[in-house]
Each structure stands twice: as C-alpha cells, then as structure tokens.
C-alpha cells in the first residue's frame, strides 16, 4: 500500500471506491469494517486536500487575469 503522502488524487479516489464497495458488500467483521471505515476517512481527506489545492490554483490563476 502506498503511503498517504504519496497518493495522487486518482489513486486515493480509486482506493476509496474499492473501500466503499467492500463496506457495502458486507461479509466483514466489525473490526474489519471499522478499519475500512477509518481508511475511507483517510482517503476522503486526501482527495479533499487535492481538490482544495486545485481550487486554490484556479482561483489564484483567475485572480491574476
């Protein structure tokens, strides 16, 4: 598994999709579900950070025009 600091937006998004699918499919223990939930939260935070950076870059570029 790649460390969170090196995940691209796409990598984090793809892993998040897989994590959600695993949670939705059921068949995991409570402990496994909690670990998946925690990882999903981490991945969502990574995705949001990438989106925030992109938004700031666009806003900066727009303001410079």
C-alpha atoms as a PDB file:
ATOM      1  CA  UNK A   1       0.000   0.000   0.000  1.00  0.00           C
ATOM      2  CA  UNK A   2       1.256   3.480  -0.849  1.00  0.00           C
ATOM      3  CA  UNK A   3       1.654   5.916   1.999  1.00  0.00           C
ATOM      4  CA  UNK A   4      -0.982   8.676   2.175  1.00  0.00           C
ATOM      5  CA  UNK A   5       1.502  11.431   1.448  1.00  0.00           C
ATOM      6  CA  UNK A   6       2.394   9.916  -1.913  1.00  0.00           C
ATOM      7  CA  UNK A   7      -1.089   9.057  -3.158  1.00  0.00           C
ATOM      8  CA  UNK A   8      -2.273  11.031  -6.143  1.00  0.00           C
ATOM      9  CA  UNK A   9      -5.877  12.143  -6.283  1.00  0.00           C
ATOM     10  CA  UNK A  10      -6.677   9.344  -8.707  1.00  0.00           C
ATOM     11  CA  UNK A  11      -5.007   6.685  -6.574  1.00  0.00           C
ATOM     12  CA  UNK A  12      -6.809   7.839  -3.440  1.00  0.00           C
ATOM     13  CA  UNK A  13     -10.133   8.049  -5.289  1.00  0.00           C
ATOM     14  CA  UNK A  14      -9.766   4.561  -6.755  1.00  0.00           C
ATOM     15  CA  UNK A  15      -8.843   3.062  -3.390  1.00  0.00           C
ATOM     16  CA  UNK A  16     -11.761   4.890  -1.779  1.00  0.00           C
ATOM     17  CA  UNK A  17     -14.166   3.413  -4.349  1.00  0.00           C
ATOM     18  CA  UNK A  18     -12.852  -0.076  -3.571  1.00  0.00           C
ATOM     19  CA  UNK A  19     -13.076   0.545   0.173  1.00  0.00           C
ATOM     20  CA  UNK A  20     -16.681   1.697  -0.068  1.00  0.00           C
ATOM     21  CA  UNK A  21     -17.563  -1.317  -2.217  1.00  0.00           C
ATOM     22  CA  UNK A  22     -16.059  -3.640   0.399  1.00  0.00           C
ATOM     23  CA  UNK A  23     -18.063  -1.949   3.143  1.00  0.00           C
ATOM     24  CA  UNK A  24     -21.271  -2.109   1.128  1.00  0.00           C
ATOM     25  CA  UNK A  25     -20.819  -5.762   0.243  1.00  0.00           C
ATOM     26  CA  UNK A  26     -20.800  -6.794   3.896  1.00  0.00           C
ATOM     27  CA  UNK A  27     -19.235 -10.025   4.989  1.00  0.00           C
ATOM     28  CA  UNK A  28     -16.598  -8.352   7.118  1.00  0.00           C
ATOM     29  CA  UNK A  29     -16.208  -8.463  10.858  1.00  0.00           C
ATOM     30  CA  UNK A  30     -16.911  -5.409  12.945  1.00  0.00           C
ATOM     31  CA  UNK A  31     -13.172  -4.844  13.391  1.00  0.00           C
ATOM     32  CA  UNK A  32     -12.572  -5.113   9.635  1.00  0.00           C
ATOM     33  CA  UNK A  33     -15.469  -2.756   8.933  1.00  0.00           C
ATOM     34  CA  UNK A  34     -14.105  -0.211  11.378  1.00  0.00           C
ATOM     35  CA  UNK A  35     -10.644  -0.424   9.790  1.00  0.00           C
ATOM     36  CA  UNK A  36     -12.175   0.035   6.336  1.00  0.00           C
ATOM     37  CA  UNK A  37     -14.201   2.987   7.591  1.00  0.00           C
ATOM     38  CA  UNK A  38     -11.081   4.604   9.061  1.00  0.00           C
ATOM     39  CA  UNK A  39      -9.154   4.079   5.819  1.00  0.00           C
ATOM     40  CA  UNK A  40     -12.068   5.519   3.864  1.00  0.00           C
ATOM     41  CA  UNK A  41     -11.985   8.645   6.015  1.00  0.00           C
ATOM     42  CA  UNK A  42      -8.237   8.982   5.411  1.00  0.00           C
ATOM     43  CA  UNK A  43      -8.695   8.579   1.673  1.00  0.00           C
ATOM     44  CA  UNK A  44     -11.539  11.104   1.585  1.00  0.00           C
ATOM     45  CA  UNK A  45      -9.312  13.592   3.387  1.00  0.00           C
ATOM     46  CA  UNK A  46      -6.524  13.022   0.856  1.00  0.00           C
ATOM     47  CA  UNK A  47      -8.942  13.540  -2.035  1.00  0.00           C
ATOM     48  CA  UNK A  48     -10.316  16.708  -0.467  1.00  0.00           C
ATOM     49  CA  UNK A  49      -6.809  18.098   0.043  1.00  0.00           C
ATOM     50  CA  UNK A  50      -6.021  17.559  -3.652  1.00  0.00           C
ATOM     51  CA  UNK A  51      -9.284  19.227  -4.642  1.00  0.00           C
ATOM     52  CA  UNK A  52      -8.624  22.165  -2.314  1.00  0.00           C
ATOM     53  CA  UNK A  53      -5.154  22.619  -3.837  1.00  0.00           C
ATOM     54  CA  UNK A  54      -6.602  22.549  -7.350  1.00  0.00           C
ATOM     55  CA  UNK A  55      -9.314  25.056  -6.420  1.00  0.00           C
ATOM     56  CA  UNK A  56      -6.741  27.408  -4.885  1.00  0.00           C
ATOM     57  CA  UNK A  57      -4.601  27.186  -8.003  1.00  0.00           C
ATOM     58  CA  UNK A  58      -7.569  28.004 -10.242  1.00  0.00           C
ATOM     59  CA  UNK A  59      -8.637  30.878  -8.020  1.00  0.00           C
ATOM     60  CA  UNK A  60      -5.089  32.262  -7.991  1.00  0.00           C
ATOM     61  CA  UNK A  61      -4.843  31.997 -11.774  1.00  0.00           C
ATOM     62  CA  UNK A  62      -8.261  33.616 -12.203  1.00  0.00           C
ATOM     63  CA  UNK A  63      -7.344  36.477  -9.885  1.00  0.00           C
ATOM     64  CA  UNK A  64      -4.168  37.125 -11.878  1.00  0.00           C
ATOM     65  CA  UNK A  65      -6.110  37.568 -15.123  1.00  0.00           C
END
